[in-house]
Amino acid sequence: VQLVQSGGGLVQAGGSLTLSCSVSGRLFAIYSLGWYRQAPGKQRELVARITRDGNTLYADSVKGRFSISKENAWKTLNLQMDRLTSEDTAVYYCHAYETNNDYWGQGTQVTVSS
């Protein structure tokens, strides 16, 4: 499985950004796709996840502000981020899970200026 991210960058507090992840390879084996983030000095944390049957899970800190979606039969994963705050500043990673295997995108910086 290969994951290639796009999007991200610098945005003012209260603004919006969209992250995308192009997924290729053993698509049939993927159980879930998701987004994680890692802020300086902190552990990587789950932001949002979506399973093959469409069930979603969000971190409490982003509920109601972020929306995860998939397109093109699992080939594209998006994260719509609204009402961003400085607490959302981090490197964001696309993630794919298949049984006993984790795959990661290259990471993209999201910086929210206050």
C-alpha atoms as a PDB file:
ATOM      1  CA  VAL A   1       0.000   0.000   0.000  1.00  0.00           C
ATOM      2  CA  GLN A   2       1.334   3.435  -0.937  1.00  0.00           C
ATOM      3  CA  LEU A   3       0.040   6.688   0.499  1.00  0.00           C
ATOM      4  CA  VAL A   4       0.853  10.075  -1.036  1.00  0.00           C
ATOM      5  CA  GLN A   5      -0.400  13.161   0.745  1.00  0.00           C
ATOM      6  CA  SER A   6      -1.236  16.613  -0.557  1.00  0.00           C
ATOM      7  CA  GLY A   7      -2.617  19.795   0.934  1.00  0.00           C
ATOM      8  CA  GLY A   8      -1.793  21.451   4.203  1.00  0.00           C
ATOM      9  CA  GLY A   9       0.145  24.648   4.770  1.00  0.00           C
ATOM     10  CA  LEU A  10      -0.371  27.849   6.715  1.00  0.00           C
ATOM     11  CA  VAL A  11      -3.789  29.197   7.683  1.00  0.00           C
ATOM     12  CA  GLN A  12      -5.136  31.756  10.126  1.00  0.00           C
ATOM     13  CA  ALA A  13      -7.103  30.683  13.160  1.00  0.00           C
ATOM     14  CA  GLY A  14     -10.732  30.115  12.250  1.00  0.00           C
ATOM     15  CA  GLY A  15      -9.859  29.159   8.710  1.00  0.00           C
ATOM     16  CA  SER A  16     -10.135  25.893   6.806  1.00  0.00           C
ATOM     17  CA  LEU A  17      -7.832  23.453   5.070  1.00  0.00           C
ATOM     18  CA  THR A  18      -8.276  20.194   3.217  1.00  0.00           C
ATOM     19  CA  LEU A  19      -5.807  17.330   3.258  1.00  0.00           C
ATOM     20  CA  SER A  20      -5.886  14.585   0.665  1.00  0.00           C
ATOM     21  CA  CYS A  21      -4.225  11.207   0.468  1.00  0.00           C
ATOM     22  CA  SER A  22      -3.883   9.162  -2.707  1.00  0.00           C
ATOM     23  CA  VAL A  23      -4.035   5.447  -1.926  1.00  0.00           C
ATOM     24  CA  SER A  24      -2.672   2.727  -4.195  1.00  0.00           C
ATOM     25  CA  GLY A  25      -1.610  -0.897  -3.989  1.00  0.00           C
ATOM     26  CA  ARG A  26      -3.515  -3.642  -2.139  1.00  0.00           C
ATOM     27  CA  LEU A  27      -6.709  -1.656  -1.778  1.00  0.00           C
ATOM     28  CA  PHE A  28      -8.754  -4.800  -1.255  1.00  0.00           C
ATOM     29  CA  ALA A  29      -6.771  -5.627   1.888  1.00  0.00           C
ATOM     30  CA  ILE A  30      -7.257  -2.292   3.630  1.00  0.00           C
ATOM     31  CA  TYR A  31      -9.534  -2.361   6.652  1.00  0.00           C
ATOM     32  CA  SER A  32      -9.408   1.314   7.551  1.00  0.00           C
ATOM     33  CA  LEU A  33      -7.925   4.630   6.481  1.00  0.00           C
ATOM     34  CA  GLY A  34      -7.241   7.509   8.786  1.00  0.00           C
ATOM     35  CA  TRP A  35      -5.394  10.662   9.712  1.00  0.00           C
ATOM     36  CA  TYR A  36      -2.989  11.070  12.591  1.00  0.00           C
ATOM     37  CA  ARG A  37      -1.064  14.116  13.730  1.00  0.00           C
ATOM     38  CA  GLN A  38       2.006  14.852  15.762  1.00  0.00           C
ATOM     39  CA  ALA A  39       2.705  18.200  17.348  1.00  0.00           C
ATOM     40  CA  PRO A  40       6.199  19.167  18.537  1.00  0.00           C
ATOM     41  CA  GLY A  41       7.064  17.387  21.761  1.00  0.00           C
ATOM     42  CA  LYS A  42       3.905  15.289  21.696  1.00  0.00           C
ATOM     43  CA  GLN A  43       3.026  11.751  20.721  1.00  0.00           C
ATOM     44  CA  ARG A  44       1.332  10.954  17.438  1.00  0.00           C
ATOM     45  CA  GLU A  45      -2.419  10.864  17.937  1.00  0.00           C
ATOM     46  CA  LEU A  46      -5.423   9.694  15.971  1.00  0.00           C
ATOM     47  CA  VAL A  47      -7.435  12.509  14.402  1.00  0.00           C
ATOM     48  CA  ALA A  48     -10.036  10.595  12.422  1.00  0.00           C
ATOM     49  CA  ARG A  49     -10.556   7.166  10.937  1.00  0.00           C
ATOM     50  CA  ILE A  50     -12.968   5.596   8.466  1.00  0.00           C
ATOM     51  CA  THR A  51     -13.552   1.911   7.910  1.00  0.00           C
ATOM     52  CA  ARG A  52     -14.379   0.117   4.690  1.00  0.00           C
ATOM     53  CA  ASP A  53     -18.075   0.089   5.552  1.00  0.00           C
ATOM     54  CA  GLY A  54     -18.054   3.830   6.209  1.00  0.00           C
ATOM     55  CA  ASN A  55     -17.960   3.959   9.996  1.00  0.00           C
ATOM     56  CA  THR A  56     -16.071   6.975  11.277  1.00  0.00           C
ATOM     57  CA  LEU A  57     -14.254   7.816  14.476  1.00  0.00           C
ATOM     58  CA  TYR A  58     -13.013  11.259  15.530  1.00  0.00           C
ATOM     59  CA  ALA A  59     -10.825  12.519  18.305  1.00  0.00           C
ATOM     60  CA  ASP A  60     -12.865  14.534  20.800  1.00  0.00           C
ATOM     61  CA  SER A  61     -10.772  17.603  20.053  1.00  0.00           C
ATOM     62  CA  VAL A  62     -11.856  17.705  16.394  1.00  0.00           C
ATOM     63  CA  LYS A  63     -15.464  16.495  16.565  1.00  0.00           C
ATOM     64  CA  GLY A  64     -17.776  18.888  14.789  1.00  0.00           C
ATOM     65  CA  ARG A  65     -14.875  20.674  13.061  1.00  0.00           C
ATOM     66  CA  PHE A  66     -13.162  17.987  10.975  1.00  0.00           C
ATOM     67  CA  SER A  67     -14.706  15.611   8.470  1.00  0.00           C
ATOM     68  CA  ILE A  68     -13.100  12.511   6.985  1.00  0.00           C
ATOM     69  CA  SER A  69     -14.248  11.077   3.674  1.00  0.00           C
ATOM     70  CA  LYS A  70     -13.161   8.625   1.012  1.00  0.00           C
ATOM     71  CA  GLU A  71     -13.638   8.767  -2.747  1.00  0.00           C
ATOM     72  CA  ASN A  72     -13.071   6.667  -5.823  1.00  0.00           C
ATOM     73  CA  ALA A  73     -13.481   3.283  -4.198  1.00  0.00           C
ATOM     74  CA  TRP A  74     -10.927   3.821  -1.469  1.00  0.00           C
ATOM     75  CA  LYS A  75      -8.334   5.499  -3.739  1.00  0.00           C
ATOM     76  CA  THR A  76      -8.612   8.954  -2.176  1.00  0.00           C
ATOM     77  CA  LEU A  77      -8.906   9.943   1.455  1.00  0.00           C
ATOM     78  CA  ASN A  78      -9.772  13.490   2.465  1.00  0.00           C
ATOM     79  CA  LEU A  79      -9.782  15.432   5.700  1.00  0.00           C
ATOM     80  CA  GLN A  80     -11.774  18.652   5.711  1.00  0.00           C
ATOM     81  CA  MET A  81     -10.645  20.832   8.604  1.00  0.00           C
ATOM     82  CA  ASP A  82     -12.749  23.814   9.627  1.00  0.00           C
ATOM     83  CA  ARG A  83     -12.524  26.356  12.453  1.00  0.00           C
ATOM     84  CA  LEU A  84      -8.861  25.613  12.912  1.00  0.00           C
ATOM     85  CA  THR A  85      -7.078  26.692  16.058  1.00  0.00           C
ATOM     86  CA  SER A  86      -3.437  26.901  17.049  1.00  0.00           C
ATOM     87  CA  GLU A  87      -3.918  23.585  18.858  1.00  0.00           C
ATOM     88  CA  ASP A  88      -4.340  21.934  15.453  1.00  0.00           C
ATOM     89  CA  THR A  89      -0.799  22.851  14.410  1.00  0.00           C
ATOM     90  CA  ALA A  90       1.037  19.602  13.724  1.00  0.00           C
ATOM     91  CA  VAL A  91       2.400  17.299  11.081  1.00  0.00           C
ATOM     92  CA  TYR A  92      -0.494  15.265   9.726  1.00  0.00           C
ATOM     93  CA  TYR A  93      -0.070  11.710   8.482  1.00  0.00           C
ATOM     94  CA  CYS A  94      -2.290   9.575   6.321  1.00  0.00           C
ATOM     95  CA  HIS A  95      -2.576   6.007   7.622  1.00  0.00           C
ATOM     96  CA  ALA A  96      -3.813   2.710   6.222  1.00  0.00           C
ATOM     97  CA  TYR A  97      -4.373  -0.450   8.205  1.00  0.00           C
ATOM     98  CA  GLU A  98      -4.595  -3.970   6.914  1.00  0.00           C
ATOM     99  CA  THR A  99      -4.315  -7.044   9.077  1.00  0.00           C
ATOM    100  CA  ASN A 100      -1.000  -6.846  10.940  1.00  0.00           C
ATOM    101  CA  ASN A 101       0.324  -4.047   8.732  1.00  0.00           C
ATOM    102  CA  ASP A 102       0.386  -0.274   9.088  1.00  0.00           C
ATOM    103  CA  TYR A 103       1.227   2.120   6.276  1.00  0.00           C
ATOM    104  CA  TRP A 104       2.000   5.821   6.536  1.00  0.00           C
ATOM    105  CA  GLY A 105       2.050   8.783   4.235  1.00  0.00           C
ATOM    106  CA  GLN A 106       4.998  11.142   4.093  1.00  0.00           C
ATOM    107  CA  GLY A 107       3.455  13.692   6.430  1.00  0.00           C
ATOM    108  CA  THR A 108       2.388  17.267   5.772  1.00  0.00           C
ATOM    109  CA  GLN A 109       2.723  20.328   7.959  1.00  0.00           C
ATOM    110  CA  VAL A 110      -0.361  22.228   9.050  1.00  0.00           C
ATOM    111  CA  THR A 111       0.339  25.512  10.814  1.00  0.00           C
ATOM    112  CA  VAL A 112      -2.434  27.625  12.281  1.00  0.00           C
ATOM    113  CA  SER A 113      -1.473  31.180  13.126  1.00  0.00           C
ATOM    114  CA  SER A 114      -3.312  33.013  15.871  1.00  0.00           C
END
